[in-house]
Amino acid sequence: IINIDKHIKRIAISMSGGVDSTILSYLYCKEIKEKKLDVKILPVTWRRPYPEDNPKTWNITHAKKVIDAIQLLLDVDNIYEDHFIFYPMHSTQPLTEEQEYKEWNRLQEICVNKGCDIFVYGSTTNPPLQVMKQLDLVEHRQVHRDKETPREDTYIKYNPFGNADKKCLRDLYDQHNLLDTLFPLTRSCEGDTQWTRNYVLECGTCWWCKERYWAFGKPR
C-alpha cells in the first residue's frame, strides 16, 4: 500500500483523528523508520470553525492524540513536523460540495508552497450497497465514495485507500496489532453535544458510527 518514491522528501498527510488517516499515517511513519528514509511528514488537520459545536472542530484534539501515540508506538520523534491547522473559508453554513473542492485545492497549494512533494489522504469506499440498506446508510452517504477512486488523483494528490472499504482497514489494524492500542484513540462519530455528552462518547447512531461498527464491531 505504501510506496515512497525516491524524489519524495516531505509528505503532507491529512489527519482527522479518524480511522482512515490514523492507520495511513502510521504506515507511512513505519515505512520511513524501517527503510531509514530521509523523509519528513507534515500532519495537516482541517478545522471547520462554524458552527462552534461542530464535531469536526474536535479533529485537532483527536489528531494530536494519534500523532503522539504513533510516535510512542514506533519510537520515533523526528519524522513528524509541527502540526499544521488549516482554516477554510468562513461560513455560517456547511460548505457546498463545490466550495469543499475549492478549499481542498487551496489546502494542497498551501502544502506545495510549504515544500511538500505530495499530499496524501485516506478515503475509503462506502460499504456494499446491501449493507448500507440494512444499516440505513443509503440516504445520507457520500455518493462519490460509492465507486473506487484512482490511487493518484493528480500528480500531487494520493489516496492509497481509494479501492478499499472500512473492513479492509480493520484488517490493517489487526495485521499491525493496533486494535487495542491505536484504534481506541481514533474517533469517527459526528453526533452533536446532546448525544455524545459533549463529545466524550460516541452517539452510536450517526452515519459514521454505523459504518465504524459494521467494520470493527465496536466503537473503540
N, C-alpha and C. Protein backbone atom coordinates (compact mmCIF):
# COMPACT_ATOMS: atom_id res chain seq x y z
N ILE A 1 0.82 -1.20 0.00
CA ILE A 1 0.00 0.00 0.00
C ILE A 1 0.86 1.26 0.00
N ILE A 2 1.92 1.25 0.80
CA ILE A 2 2.75 2.44 0.94
C ILE A 2 4.03 2.27 0.13
N ASN A 3 4.24 3.21 -0.76
CA ASN A 3 5.46 3.18 -1.58
C ASN A 3 5.93 4.62 -1.75
N ILE A 4 7.04 4.95 -1.13
CA ILE A 4 7.55 6.32 -1.16
C ILE A 4 8.64 6.43 -2.23
N ASP A 5 8.36 7.21 -3.26
CA ASP A 5 9.33 7.39 -4.34
C ASP A 5 10.60 8.08 -3.84
N LYS A 6 11.69 7.84 -4.56
CA LYS A 6 12.98 8.37 -4.13
C LYS A 6 13.02 9.89 -4.10
N HIS A 7 12.24 10.55 -4.97
CA HIS A 7 12.30 12.01 -5.04
C HIS A 7 11.53 12.68 -3.91
N ILE A 8 10.73 11.91 -3.17
CA ILE A 8 9.89 12.49 -2.12
C ILE A 8 10.69 12.66 -0.82
N LYS A 9 10.71 13.89 -0.33
CA LYS A 9 11.41 14.19 0.91
C LYS A 9 10.48 14.78 1.97
N ARG A 10 9.32 15.22 1.56
CA ARG A 10 8.38 15.84 2.50
C ARG A 10 6.96 15.49 2.08
N ILE A 11 6.21 14.90 3.02
CA ILE A 11 4.85 14.42 2.73
C ILE A 11 3.85 15.13 3.63
N ALA A 12 2.82 15.71 3.03
CA ALA A 12 1.71 16.27 3.80
C ALA A 12 0.64 15.18 3.91
N ILE A 13 0.23 14.88 5.14
CA ILE A 13 -0.80 13.87 5.36
C ILE A 13 -1.99 14.51 6.05
N SER A 14 -3.15 14.39 5.43
CA SER A 14 -4.37 14.90 6.03
C SER A 14 -4.76 14.00 7.20
N MET A 15 -4.85 14.57 8.41
CA MET A 15 -5.13 13.79 9.60
C MET A 15 -6.32 14.38 10.36
N SER A 16 -7.35 13.55 10.56
CA SER A 16 -8.56 13.99 11.26
C SER A 16 -8.70 13.37 12.63
N GLY A 17 -7.85 12.40 12.94
CA GLY A 17 -8.02 11.63 14.15
C GLY A 17 -8.95 10.45 13.94
N GLY A 18 -9.39 10.26 12.70
CA GLY A 18 -10.28 9.16 12.36
C GLY A 18 -9.53 7.88 12.02
N VAL A 19 -10.29 6.83 11.73
CA VAL A 19 -9.73 5.51 11.45
C VAL A 19 -8.81 5.53 10.23
N ASP A 20 -9.26 6.15 9.15
CA ASP A 20 -8.52 6.11 7.89
C ASP A 20 -7.17 6.81 7.98
N SER A 21 -7.21 8.09 8.37
CA SER A 21 -5.98 8.87 8.37
C SER A 21 -4.99 8.40 9.43
N THR A 22 -5.49 7.80 10.50
CA THR A 22 -4.59 7.33 11.56
C THR A 22 -3.75 6.14 11.10
N ILE A 23 -4.39 5.13 10.52
CA ILE A 23 -3.61 3.97 10.05
C ILE A 23 -2.73 4.38 8.87
N LEU A 24 -3.20 5.31 8.07
CA LEU A 24 -2.41 5.79 6.94
C LEU A 24 -1.12 6.44 7.43
N SER A 25 -1.24 7.32 8.41
CA SER A 25 -0.07 8.00 8.94
C SER A 25 0.87 7.01 9.63
N TYR A 26 0.31 6.06 10.35
CA TYR A 26 1.13 5.02 11.00
C TYR A 26 1.96 4.27 9.96
N LEU A 27 1.33 3.86 8.87
CA LEU A 27 2.02 3.08 7.85
C LEU A 27 3.15 3.88 7.18
N TYR A 28 2.91 5.17 6.98
CA TYR A 28 3.96 5.99 6.39
C TYR A 28 5.14 6.14 7.36
N CYS A 29 4.83 6.39 8.63
CA CYS A 29 5.90 6.51 9.63
C CYS A 29 6.69 5.21 9.74
N LYS A 30 5.99 4.10 9.71
CA LYS A 30 6.64 2.80 9.82
C LYS A 30 7.56 2.55 8.63
N GLU A 31 7.09 2.92 7.44
CA GLU A 31 7.89 2.75 6.23
C GLU A 31 9.15 3.61 6.30
N ILE A 32 8.99 4.85 6.73
CA ILE A 32 10.13 5.76 6.83
C ILE A 32 11.16 5.25 7.83
N LYS A 33 10.68 4.76 8.97
CA LYS A 33 11.58 4.26 10.00
C LYS A 33 12.31 3.00 9.55
N GLU A 34 11.56 2.02 9.06
CA GLU A 34 12.16 0.73 8.71
C GLU A 34 13.14 0.83 7.56
N LYS A 35 12.89 1.74 6.62
CA LYS A 35 13.79 1.89 5.48
C LYS A 35 14.81 3.01 5.68
N LYS A 36 14.73 3.64 6.86
CA LYS A 36 15.67 4.71 7.22
C LYS A 36 15.71 5.80 6.15
N LEU A 37 14.52 6.24 5.78
CA LEU A 37 14.40 7.26 4.74
C LEU A 37 14.55 8.67 5.31
N ASP A 38 15.13 9.52 4.53
CA ASP A 38 15.26 10.93 4.91
C ASP A 38 14.01 11.67 4.45
N VAL A 39 12.90 11.39 5.12
CA VAL A 39 11.60 11.93 4.73
C VAL A 39 10.90 12.47 5.97
N LYS A 40 10.27 13.62 5.84
CA LYS A 40 9.51 14.22 6.92
C LYS A 40 8.02 14.22 6.58
N ILE A 41 7.18 14.22 7.63
CA ILE A 41 5.73 14.25 7.45
C ILE A 41 5.18 15.53 8.06
N LEU A 42 4.39 16.25 7.27
CA LEU A 42 3.67 17.41 7.76
C LEU A 42 2.22 16.99 8.03
N PRO A 43 1.83 16.81 9.29
CA PRO A 43 0.45 16.45 9.59
C PRO A 43 -0.46 17.66 9.43
N VAL A 44 -1.54 17.48 8.67
CA VAL A 44 -2.45 18.59 8.36
C VAL A 44 -3.85 18.25 8.83
N THR A 45 -4.46 19.15 9.58
CA THR A 45 -5.83 18.94 10.05
C THR A 45 -6.71 20.11 9.63
N TRP A 46 -7.84 19.78 9.03
CA TRP A 46 -8.83 20.75 8.57
C TRP A 46 -9.72 21.10 9.75
N ARG A 47 -9.82 22.38 10.08
CA ARG A 47 -10.63 22.82 11.22
C ARG A 47 -11.78 23.67 10.70
N ARG A 48 -13.00 23.15 10.81
CA ARG A 48 -14.17 23.91 10.38
C ARG A 48 -14.65 24.78 11.55
N PRO A 49 -14.59 26.12 11.45
CA PRO A 49 -14.89 26.98 12.58
C PRO A 49 -16.37 27.21 12.85
N TYR A 50 -17.25 26.91 11.90
CA TYR A 50 -18.67 27.15 12.13
C TYR A 50 -19.47 25.90 11.89
N PRO A 51 -20.51 25.61 12.70
CA PRO A 51 -20.77 26.27 13.99
C PRO A 51 -19.73 25.83 15.02
N GLU A 52 -19.67 26.52 16.13
CA GLU A 52 -18.62 26.27 17.12
C GLU A 52 -18.71 24.88 17.74
N ASP A 53 -19.93 24.29 17.79
CA ASP A 53 -20.05 22.96 18.40
C ASP A 53 -20.06 21.85 17.36
N ASN A 54 -19.60 22.18 16.15
CA ASN A 54 -19.49 21.16 15.11
C ASN A 54 -18.49 20.10 15.55
N PRO A 55 -18.85 18.80 15.46
CA PRO A 55 -17.92 17.75 15.89
C PRO A 55 -16.56 17.84 15.20
N LYS A 56 -16.52 18.38 13.98
CA LYS A 56 -15.26 18.42 13.26
C LYS A 56 -14.27 19.40 13.89
N THR A 57 -14.75 20.28 14.78
CA THR A 57 -13.80 21.17 15.46
C THR A 57 -12.95 20.37 16.44
N TRP A 58 -13.35 19.13 16.73
CA TRP A 58 -12.59 18.28 17.63
C TRP A 58 -11.53 17.45 16.90
N ASN A 59 -11.48 17.60 15.58
CA ASN A 59 -10.49 16.85 14.81
C ASN A 59 -9.07 17.15 15.28
N ILE A 60 -8.83 18.40 15.63
CA ILE A 60 -7.48 18.79 16.04
C ILE A 60 -7.05 18.01 17.28
N THR A 61 -7.94 17.95 18.27
CA THR A 61 -7.63 17.23 19.51
C THR A 61 -7.33 15.76 19.25
N HIS A 62 -8.19 15.11 18.46
CA HIS A 62 -8.00 13.68 18.20
C HIS A 62 -6.80 13.41 17.31
N ALA A 63 -6.55 14.30 16.37
CA ALA A 63 -5.37 14.14 15.51
C ALA A 63 -4.09 14.21 16.34
N LYS A 64 -4.03 15.15 17.28
CA LYS A 64 -2.85 15.28 18.14
C LYS A 64 -2.64 14.02 18.98
N LYS A 65 -3.75 13.44 19.46
CA LYS A 65 -3.65 12.23 20.27
C LYS A 65 -3.01 11.08 19.47
N VAL A 66 -3.47 10.90 18.25
CA VAL A 66 -2.94 9.76 17.47
C VAL A 66 -1.52 10.03 16.99
N ILE A 67 -1.18 11.28 16.74
CA ILE A 67 0.20 11.61 16.36
C ILE A 67 1.14 11.23 17.51
N ASP A 68 0.78 11.63 18.72
CA ASP A 68 1.60 11.29 19.88
C ASP A 68 1.70 9.78 20.07
N ALA A 69 0.57 9.09 19.87
CA ALA A 69 0.56 7.63 20.06
C ALA A 69 1.42 6.93 19.02
N ILE A 70 1.36 7.37 17.79
CA ILE A 70 2.16 6.76 16.72
C ILE A 70 3.64 6.91 17.02
N GLN A 71 4.03 8.08 17.50
CA GLN A 71 5.45 8.31 17.83
C GLN A 71 5.91 7.38 18.94
N LEU A 72 5.04 7.15 19.93
CA LEU A 72 5.39 6.25 21.03
C LEU A 72 5.45 4.80 20.55
N LEU A 73 4.46 4.39 19.76
CA LEU A 73 4.40 3.01 19.29
C LEU A 73 5.60 2.65 18.41
N LEU A 74 6.03 3.60 17.60
CA LEU A 74 7.13 3.34 16.68
C LEU A 74 8.48 3.83 17.21
N ASP A 75 8.43 4.50 18.37
CA ASP A 75 9.65 5.03 18.98
C ASP A 75 10.37 5.96 18.01
N VAL A 76 9.64 6.92 17.51
CA VAL A 76 10.22 7.93 16.62
C VAL A 76 9.85 9.32 17.14
N ASP A 77 10.74 10.26 16.98
CA ASP A 77 10.45 11.63 17.40
C ASP A 77 10.95 12.68 16.41
N ASN A 78 11.40 12.20 15.25
CA ASN A 78 11.98 13.14 14.29
C ASN A 78 11.37 13.02 12.89
N ILE A 79 10.19 12.41 12.80
CA ILE A 79 9.55 12.26 11.49
C ILE A 79 8.46 13.30 11.28
N TYR A 80 7.62 13.50 12.30
CA TYR A 80 6.56 14.50 12.19
C TYR A 80 7.11 15.90 12.36
N GLU A 81 6.63 16.81 11.54
CA GLU A 81 6.90 18.23 11.73
C GLU A 81 5.76 18.83 12.54
N ASP A 82 5.80 20.12 12.79
CA ASP A 82 4.76 20.77 13.58
C ASP A 82 3.39 20.60 12.92
N HIS A 83 2.41 20.32 13.73
CA HIS A 83 1.03 20.10 13.28
C HIS A 83 0.50 21.38 12.62
N PHE A 84 0.07 21.24 11.35
CA PHE A 84 -0.46 22.40 10.61
C PHE A 84 -1.99 22.35 10.62
N ILE A 85 -2.62 23.42 11.11
CA ILE A 85 -4.08 23.51 11.16
C ILE A 85 -4.56 24.39 10.02
N PHE A 86 -5.43 23.85 9.20
CA PHE A 86 -5.96 24.58 8.04
C PHE A 86 -7.35 25.13 8.36
N TYR A 87 -7.52 26.43 8.18
CA TYR A 87 -8.81 27.07 8.38
C TYR A 87 -9.40 27.39 7.01
N PRO A 88 -10.49 26.72 6.62
CA PRO A 88 -11.11 27.01 5.33
C PRO A 88 -11.89 28.32 5.38
N MET A 89 -12.55 28.63 4.28
CA MET A 89 -13.32 29.87 4.19
C MET A 89 -14.38 29.93 5.30
N HIS A 90 -14.66 31.14 5.79
CA HIS A 90 -15.65 31.31 6.85
C HIS A 90 -17.05 31.21 6.26
N SER A 91 -17.89 30.47 6.96
CA SER A 91 -19.27 30.31 6.53
C SER A 91 -20.12 29.91 7.72
N THR A 92 -21.31 30.46 7.78
CA THR A 92 -22.22 30.09 8.87
C THR A 92 -23.02 28.85 8.52
N GLN A 93 -22.82 28.34 7.30
CA GLN A 93 -23.50 27.13 6.84
C GLN A 93 -22.46 26.12 6.39
N PRO A 94 -22.80 24.83 6.38
CA PRO A 94 -21.88 23.83 5.84
C PRO A 94 -21.48 24.19 4.41
N LEU A 95 -20.24 23.93 4.06
CA LEU A 95 -19.77 24.25 2.72
C LEU A 95 -20.45 23.36 1.70
N THR A 96 -20.70 23.93 0.53
CA THR A 96 -21.25 23.13 -0.55
C THR A 96 -20.15 22.22 -1.10
N GLU A 97 -20.53 21.24 -1.91
CA GLU A 97 -19.54 20.33 -2.49
C GLU A 97 -18.52 21.10 -3.32
N GLU A 98 -18.98 22.11 -4.07
CA GLU A 98 -18.07 22.92 -4.88
C GLU A 98 -17.11 23.71 -4.01
N GLN A 99 -17.63 24.28 -2.91
CA GLN A 99 -16.77 25.03 -2.00
C GLN A 99 -15.74 24.13 -1.34
N GLU A 100 -16.17 22.92 -0.93
CA GLU A 100 -15.25 21.95 -0.33
C GLU A 100 -14.13 21.63 -1.30
N TYR A 101 -14.49 21.40 -2.56
CA TYR A 101 -13.50 21.05 -3.58
C TYR A 101 -12.47 22.18 -3.75
N LYS A 102 -12.95 23.42 -3.77
CA LYS A 102 -12.04 24.56 -3.92
C LYS A 102 -11.12 24.70 -2.71
N GLU A 103 -11.68 24.46 -1.52
CA GLU A 103 -10.87 24.58 -0.32
C GLU A 103 -9.81 23.47 -0.24
N TRP A 104 -10.19 22.26 -0.69
CA TRP A 104 -9.20 21.18 -0.74
C TRP A 104 -8.05 21.54 -1.67
N ASN A 105 -8.38 22.12 -2.82
CA ASN A 105 -7.35 22.53 -3.76
C ASN A 105 -6.46 23.62 -3.16
N ARG A 106 -7.08 24.55 -2.43
CA ARG A 106 -6.31 25.61 -1.78
C ARG A 106 -5.38 25.03 -0.72
N LEU A 107 -5.86 24.05 0.03
CA LEU A 107 -5.03 23.40 1.04
C LEU A 107 -3.83 22.71 0.39
N GLN A 108 -4.08 22.02 -0.71
CA GLN A 108 -2.98 21.34 -1.39
C GLN A 108 -1.94 22.33 -1.91
N GLU A 109 -2.40 23.48 -2.42
CA GLU A 109 -1.48 24.50 -2.89
C GLU A 109 -0.62 25.04 -1.75
N ILE A 110 -1.26 25.20 -0.57
CA ILE A 110 -0.51 25.67 0.60
C ILE A 110 0.58 24.67 0.97
N CYS A 111 0.23 23.37 0.94
CA CYS A 111 1.21 22.34 1.28
C CYS A 111 2.36 22.31 0.29
N VAL A 112 2.05 22.50 -0.99
CA VAL A 112 3.10 22.55 -2.01
C VAL A 112 4.01 23.75 -1.74
N ASN A 113 3.41 24.89 -1.42
CA ASN A 113 4.19 26.09 -1.13
C ASN A 113 5.04 25.93 0.13
N LYS A 114 4.63 25.01 1.01
CA LYS A 114 5.41 24.71 2.20
C LYS A 114 6.53 23.72 1.91
N GLY A 115 6.66 23.31 0.66
CA GLY A 115 7.74 22.42 0.27
C GLY A 115 7.41 20.95 0.26
N CYS A 116 6.12 20.60 0.36
CA CYS A 116 5.73 19.18 0.33
C CYS A 116 5.73 18.66 -1.10
N ASP A 117 6.20 17.45 -1.28
CA ASP A 117 6.27 16.84 -2.60
C ASP A 117 4.98 16.13 -2.98
N ILE A 118 4.17 15.78 -1.97
CA ILE A 118 2.94 15.06 -2.24
C ILE A 118 1.95 15.29 -1.08
N PHE A 119 0.67 15.29 -1.41
CA PHE A 119 -0.39 15.44 -0.42
C PHE A 119 -1.14 14.11 -0.35
N VAL A 120 -1.10 13.47 0.83
CA VAL A 120 -1.69 12.14 0.98
C VAL A 120 -2.90 12.21 1.90
N TYR A 121 -3.95 11.51 1.51
CA TYR A 121 -5.15 11.46 2.34
C TYR A 121 -5.75 10.06 2.26
N GLY A 122 -6.55 9.70 3.26
CA GLY A 122 -7.18 8.38 3.26
C GLY A 122 -8.69 8.52 3.16
N SER A 123 -9.27 7.97 2.12
CA SER A 123 -10.72 8.00 1.96
C SER A 123 -11.16 6.67 1.36
N THR A 124 -11.90 5.89 2.14
CA THR A 124 -12.31 4.56 1.69
C THR A 124 -13.61 4.63 0.89
N THR A 125 -13.94 3.51 0.27
CA THR A 125 -15.22 3.40 -0.41
C THR A 125 -16.32 3.14 0.62
N ASN A 126 -17.55 3.38 0.22
CA ASN A 126 -18.69 3.07 1.09
C ASN A 126 -18.82 1.57 1.28
N PRO A 127 -19.52 1.13 2.32
CA PRO A 127 -19.83 -0.30 2.46
C PRO A 127 -20.64 -0.76 1.25
N PRO A 128 -20.71 -2.07 1.00
CA PRO A 128 -21.53 -2.58 -0.10
C PRO A 128 -22.96 -2.08 0.02
N LEU A 129 -23.62 -1.92 -1.11
CA LEU A 129 -24.97 -1.36 -1.13
C LEU A 129 -25.93 -2.13 -0.23
N GLN A 130 -25.85 -3.46 -0.24
CA GLN A 130 -26.75 -4.26 0.58
C GLN A 130 -26.56 -3.96 2.06
N VAL A 131 -25.31 -3.76 2.45
CA VAL A 131 -25.01 -3.42 3.84
C VAL A 131 -25.58 -2.06 4.19
N MET A 132 -25.41 -1.09 3.29
CA MET A 132 -25.93 0.25 3.55
C MET A 132 -27.45 0.23 3.68
N LYS A 133 -28.11 -0.61 2.90
CA LYS A 133 -29.56 -0.72 3.00
C LYS A 133 -29.96 -1.28 4.36
N GLN A 134 -29.24 -2.29 4.81
CA GLN A 134 -29.55 -2.93 6.10
C GLN A 134 -29.33 -1.97 7.27
N LEU A 135 -28.31 -1.11 7.15
CA LEU A 135 -27.96 -0.20 8.25
C LEU A 135 -28.55 1.20 8.06
N ASP A 136 -29.37 1.37 7.04
CA ASP A 136 -29.99 2.66 6.76
C ASP A 136 -28.94 3.74 6.50
N LEU A 137 -28.01 3.42 5.63
CA LEU A 137 -26.91 4.34 5.32
C LEU A 137 -26.99 4.91 3.90
N VAL A 138 -27.98 4.51 3.16
CA VAL A 138 -28.03 4.89 1.74
C VAL A 138 -28.29 6.38 1.57
N GLU A 139 -29.28 6.90 2.30
CA GLU A 139 -29.74 8.27 2.05
C GLU A 139 -28.67 9.33 2.29
N HIS A 140 -27.94 9.23 3.36
CA HIS A 140 -27.01 10.30 3.73
C HIS A 140 -25.55 9.95 3.43
N ARG A 141 -25.32 8.99 2.58
CA ARG A 141 -23.95 8.61 2.25
C ARG A 141 -23.29 9.66 1.35
N GLN A 142 -21.98 9.64 1.29
CA GLN A 142 -21.24 10.45 0.33
C GLN A 142 -21.19 9.66 -0.97
N VAL A 143 -21.94 10.11 -1.94
CA VAL A 143 -22.13 9.35 -3.17
C VAL A 143 -20.82 9.09 -3.91
N HIS A 144 -19.90 10.04 -3.84
CA HIS A 144 -18.64 9.87 -4.57
C HIS A 144 -17.83 8.69 -4.03
N ARG A 145 -18.17 8.21 -2.81
CA ARG A 145 -17.46 7.07 -2.23
C ARG A 145 -18.07 5.74 -2.66
N ASP A 146 -19.11 5.76 -3.48
CA ASP A 146 -19.72 4.51 -3.95
C ASP A 146 -18.78 3.75 -4.88
N LYS A 147 -17.92 4.48 -5.56
CA LYS A 147 -17.04 3.87 -6.55
C LYS A 147 -15.59 3.96 -6.11
N GLU A 148 -14.81 3.02 -6.60
CA GLU A 148 -13.37 3.08 -6.35
C GLU A 148 -12.80 4.30 -7.05
N THR A 149 -11.83 4.95 -6.41
CA THR A 149 -11.20 6.12 -7.00
C THR A 149 -9.75 5.80 -7.34
N PRO A 150 -9.21 6.44 -8.35
CA PRO A 150 -7.81 6.19 -8.71
C PRO A 150 -6.89 6.49 -7.55
N ARG A 151 -5.83 5.73 -7.43
CA ARG A 151 -4.89 5.97 -6.33
C ARG A 151 -4.20 7.32 -6.49
N GLU A 152 -3.97 7.75 -7.71
CA GLU A 152 -3.37 9.04 -7.94
C GLU A 152 -4.39 9.94 -8.61
N ASP A 153 -4.97 10.87 -7.84
CA ASP A 153 -5.97 11.77 -8.40
C ASP A 153 -5.32 12.84 -9.26
N THR A 154 -4.17 13.32 -8.85
CA THR A 154 -3.41 14.28 -9.62
C THR A 154 -1.94 13.95 -9.40
N TYR A 155 -1.06 14.75 -9.96
CA TYR A 155 0.37 14.48 -9.81
C TYR A 155 0.83 14.67 -8.37
N ILE A 156 0.06 15.42 -7.59
CA ILE A 156 0.49 15.73 -6.23
C ILE A 156 -0.37 15.05 -5.17
N LYS A 157 -1.57 14.60 -5.50
CA LYS A 157 -2.51 14.07 -4.51
C LYS A 157 -2.62 12.56 -4.62
N TYR A 158 -2.63 11.88 -3.46
CA TYR A 158 -2.58 10.42 -3.47
C TYR A 158 -3.48 9.85 -2.39
N ASN A 159 -4.35 8.92 -2.75
CA ASN A 159 -5.25 8.25 -1.81
C ASN A 159 -5.03 6.74 -1.89
N PRO A 160 -4.24 6.16 -0.98
CA PRO A 160 -3.96 4.72 -1.04
C PRO A 160 -5.18 3.84 -0.78
N PHE A 161 -6.24 4.41 -0.18
CA PHE A 161 -7.40 3.61 0.20
C PHE A 161 -8.59 3.77 -0.75
N GLY A 162 -8.32 4.26 -1.94
CA GLY A 162 -9.39 4.53 -2.89
C GLY A 162 -10.14 3.30 -3.38
N ASN A 163 -9.59 2.12 -3.18
CA ASN A 163 -10.27 0.89 -3.62
C ASN A 163 -10.52 -0.06 -2.45
N ALA A 164 -10.62 0.50 -1.23
CA ALA A 164 -10.81 -0.33 -0.03
C ALA A 164 -11.94 0.25 0.82
N ASP A 165 -12.67 -0.62 1.52
CA ASP A 165 -13.67 -0.13 2.45
C ASP A 165 -13.13 -0.25 3.88
N LYS A 166 -13.97 0.12 4.88
CA LYS A 166 -13.50 0.15 6.25
C LYS A 166 -13.10 -1.22 6.79
N LYS A 167 -13.69 -2.29 6.28
CA LYS A 167 -13.31 -3.62 6.76
C LYS A 167 -11.88 -3.96 6.34
N CYS A 168 -11.45 -3.43 5.21
CA CYS A 168 -10.06 -3.62 4.80
C CYS A 168 -9.12 -2.92 5.79
N LEU A 169 -9.54 -1.77 6.28
CA LEU A 169 -8.72 -1.06 7.26
C LEU A 169 -8.70 -1.81 8.59
N ARG A 170 -9.82 -2.43 8.93
CA ARG A 170 -9.87 -3.25 10.14
C ARG A 170 -8.80 -4.34 10.07
N ASP A 171 -8.63 -4.94 8.89
CA ASP A 171 -7.60 -5.96 8.71
C ASP A 171 -6.21 -5.38 8.89
N LEU A 172 -6.00 -4.13 8.45
CA LEU A 172 -4.69 -3.49 8.62
C LEU A 172 -4.39 -3.24 10.10
N TYR A 173 -5.38 -2.75 10.83
CA TYR A 173 -5.18 -2.56 12.27
C TYR A 173 -4.84 -3.88 12.95
N ASP A 174 -5.53 -4.93 12.55
CA ASP A 174 -5.29 -6.25 13.13
C ASP A 174 -3.90 -6.76 12.75
N GLN A 175 -3.55 -6.61 11.49
CA GLN A 175 -2.25 -7.09 11.00
C GLN A 175 -1.09 -6.44 11.74
N HIS A 176 -1.25 -5.18 12.11
CA HIS A 176 -0.17 -4.45 12.80
C HIS A 176 -0.38 -4.38 14.31
N ASN A 177 -1.29 -5.21 14.82
CA ASN A 177 -1.55 -5.29 16.27
C ASN A 177 -1.90 -3.94 16.88
N LEU A 178 -2.82 -3.24 16.23
CA LEU A 178 -3.18 -1.89 16.66
C LEU A 178 -4.63 -1.78 17.14
N LEU A 179 -5.34 -2.89 17.17
CA LEU A 179 -6.76 -2.84 17.55
C LEU A 179 -6.96 -2.44 19.01
N ASP A 180 -5.99 -2.75 19.85
CA ASP A 180 -6.13 -2.44 21.27
C ASP A 180 -5.26 -1.27 21.71
N THR A 181 -4.53 -0.68 20.77
CA THR A 181 -3.64 0.42 21.12
C THR A 181 -3.99 1.71 20.38
N LEU A 182 -3.87 1.69 19.06
CA LEU A 182 -4.09 2.91 18.28
C LEU A 182 -5.57 3.12 17.93
N PHE A 183 -6.25 2.04 17.56
CA PHE A 183 -7.66 2.16 17.17
C PHE A 183 -8.53 2.83 18.23
N PRO A 184 -8.40 2.49 19.52
CA PRO A 184 -9.27 3.12 20.53
C PRO A 184 -9.10 4.64 20.63
N LEU A 185 -8.01 5.18 20.12
CA LEU A 185 -7.79 6.62 20.19
C LEU A 185 -8.45 7.37 19.05
N THR A 186 -8.89 6.66 18.03
CA THR A 186 -9.50 7.30 16.87
C THR A 186 -10.96 7.63 17.16
N ARG A 187 -11.49 8.54 16.35
CA ARG A 187 -12.89 8.92 16.51
C ARG A 187 -13.53 9.12 15.14
N SER A 188 -14.71 8.55 14.97
CA SER A 188 -15.45 8.69 13.73
C SER A 188 -16.75 9.45 13.91
N CYS A 189 -17.28 9.46 15.11
CA CYS A 189 -18.61 10.00 15.41
C CYS A 189 -18.73 11.48 15.07
N GLU A 190 -19.86 11.83 14.47
CA GLU A 190 -20.19 13.23 14.21
C GLU A 190 -21.51 13.61 14.87
N GLY A 191 -21.87 12.89 15.93
CA GLY A 191 -23.07 13.24 16.70
C GLY A 191 -22.86 14.55 17.44
N ASP A 192 -23.95 15.22 17.79
CA ASP A 192 -23.83 16.52 18.43
C ASP A 192 -23.61 16.39 19.94
N THR A 193 -23.56 17.54 20.60
CA THR A 193 -23.27 17.58 22.03
C THR A 193 -24.24 16.74 22.85
N GLN A 194 -25.51 16.85 22.53
CA GLN A 194 -26.55 16.17 23.31
C GLN A 194 -26.36 14.67 23.34
N TRP A 195 -25.98 14.08 22.20
CA TRP A 195 -25.91 12.63 22.09
C TRP A 195 -24.54 12.06 22.44
N THR A 196 -23.56 12.91 22.65
CA THR A 196 -22.21 12.43 22.92
C THR A 196 -21.67 12.88 24.29
N ARG A 197 -22.53 13.52 25.06
CA ARG A 197 -22.10 14.07 26.36
C ARG A 197 -20.89 14.98 26.16
N ASN A 198 -21.13 15.96 25.28
CA ASN A 198 -20.08 16.94 24.94
C ASN A 198 -18.87 16.26 24.31
N TYR A 199 -19.13 15.32 23.41
CA TYR A 199 -18.12 14.64 22.60
C TYR A 199 -17.21 13.70 23.38
N VAL A 200 -17.68 13.27 24.55
CA VAL A 200 -16.93 12.29 25.33
C VAL A 200 -17.20 10.88 24.82
N LEU A 201 -18.46 10.60 24.46
CA LEU A 201 -18.87 9.29 23.97
C LEU A 201 -19.23 9.35 22.50
N GLU A 202 -19.34 8.18 21.86
CA GLU A 202 -19.85 8.11 20.50
C GLU A 202 -21.37 8.03 20.57
N CYS A 203 -22.05 8.66 19.63
CA CYS A 203 -23.51 8.65 19.67
C CYS A 203 -24.08 7.28 19.30
N GLY A 204 -23.37 6.55 18.44
CA GLY A 204 -23.82 5.22 18.03
C GLY A 204 -24.88 5.20 16.97
N THR A 205 -25.36 6.38 16.56
CA THR A 205 -26.47 6.42 15.60
C THR A 205 -26.16 7.22 14.33
N CYS A 206 -25.11 8.03 14.33
CA CYS A 206 -24.80 8.80 13.13
C CYS A 206 -24.26 7.88 12.04
N TRP A 207 -24.20 8.37 10.83
CA TRP A 207 -23.75 7.58 9.68
C TRP A 207 -22.38 6.96 9.96
N TRP A 208 -21.48 7.78 10.49
CA TRP A 208 -20.08 7.35 10.66
C TRP A 208 -19.93 6.32 11.76
N CYS A 209 -20.73 6.44 12.81
CA CYS A 209 -20.71 5.42 13.86
C CYS A 209 -21.18 4.07 13.32
N LYS A 210 -22.23 4.09 12.52
CA LYS A 210 -22.77 2.85 11.97
C LYS A 210 -21.75 2.17 11.05
N GLU A 211 -21.06 2.97 10.24
CA GLU A 211 -20.04 2.40 9.36
C GLU A 211 -18.90 1.81 10.20
N ARG A 212 -18.50 2.49 11.25
CA ARG A 212 -17.42 2.03 12.12
C ARG A 212 -17.81 0.72 12.80
N TYR A 213 -19.03 0.65 13.34
CA TYR A 213 -19.49 -0.58 13.99
C TYR A 213 -19.53 -1.74 13.00
N TRP A 214 -19.98 -1.47 11.79
CA TRP A 214 -20.04 -2.51 10.76
C TRP A 214 -18.64 -3.09 10.49
N ALA A 215 -17.66 -2.21 10.40
CA ALA A 215 -16.31 -2.65 10.04
C ALA A 215 -15.55 -3.26 11.21
N PHE A 216 -15.66 -2.65 12.39
CA PHE A 216 -14.83 -3.05 13.53
C PHE A 216 -15.58 -3.82 14.61
N GLY A 217 -16.90 -3.74 14.58
CA GLY A 217 -17.69 -4.46 15.57
C GLY A 217 -17.71 -3.84 16.94
N LYS A 218 -17.13 -2.65 17.07
CA LYS A 218 -17.09 -1.97 18.36
C LYS A 218 -16.78 -0.49 18.11
N PRO A 219 -17.19 0.38 19.06
CA PRO A 219 -16.93 1.80 18.89
C PRO A 219 -15.46 2.16 19.13
N ARG A 220 -14.81 1.45 20.08
CA ARG A 220 -13.40 1.74 20.40
C ARG A 220 -12.64 0.44 20.65
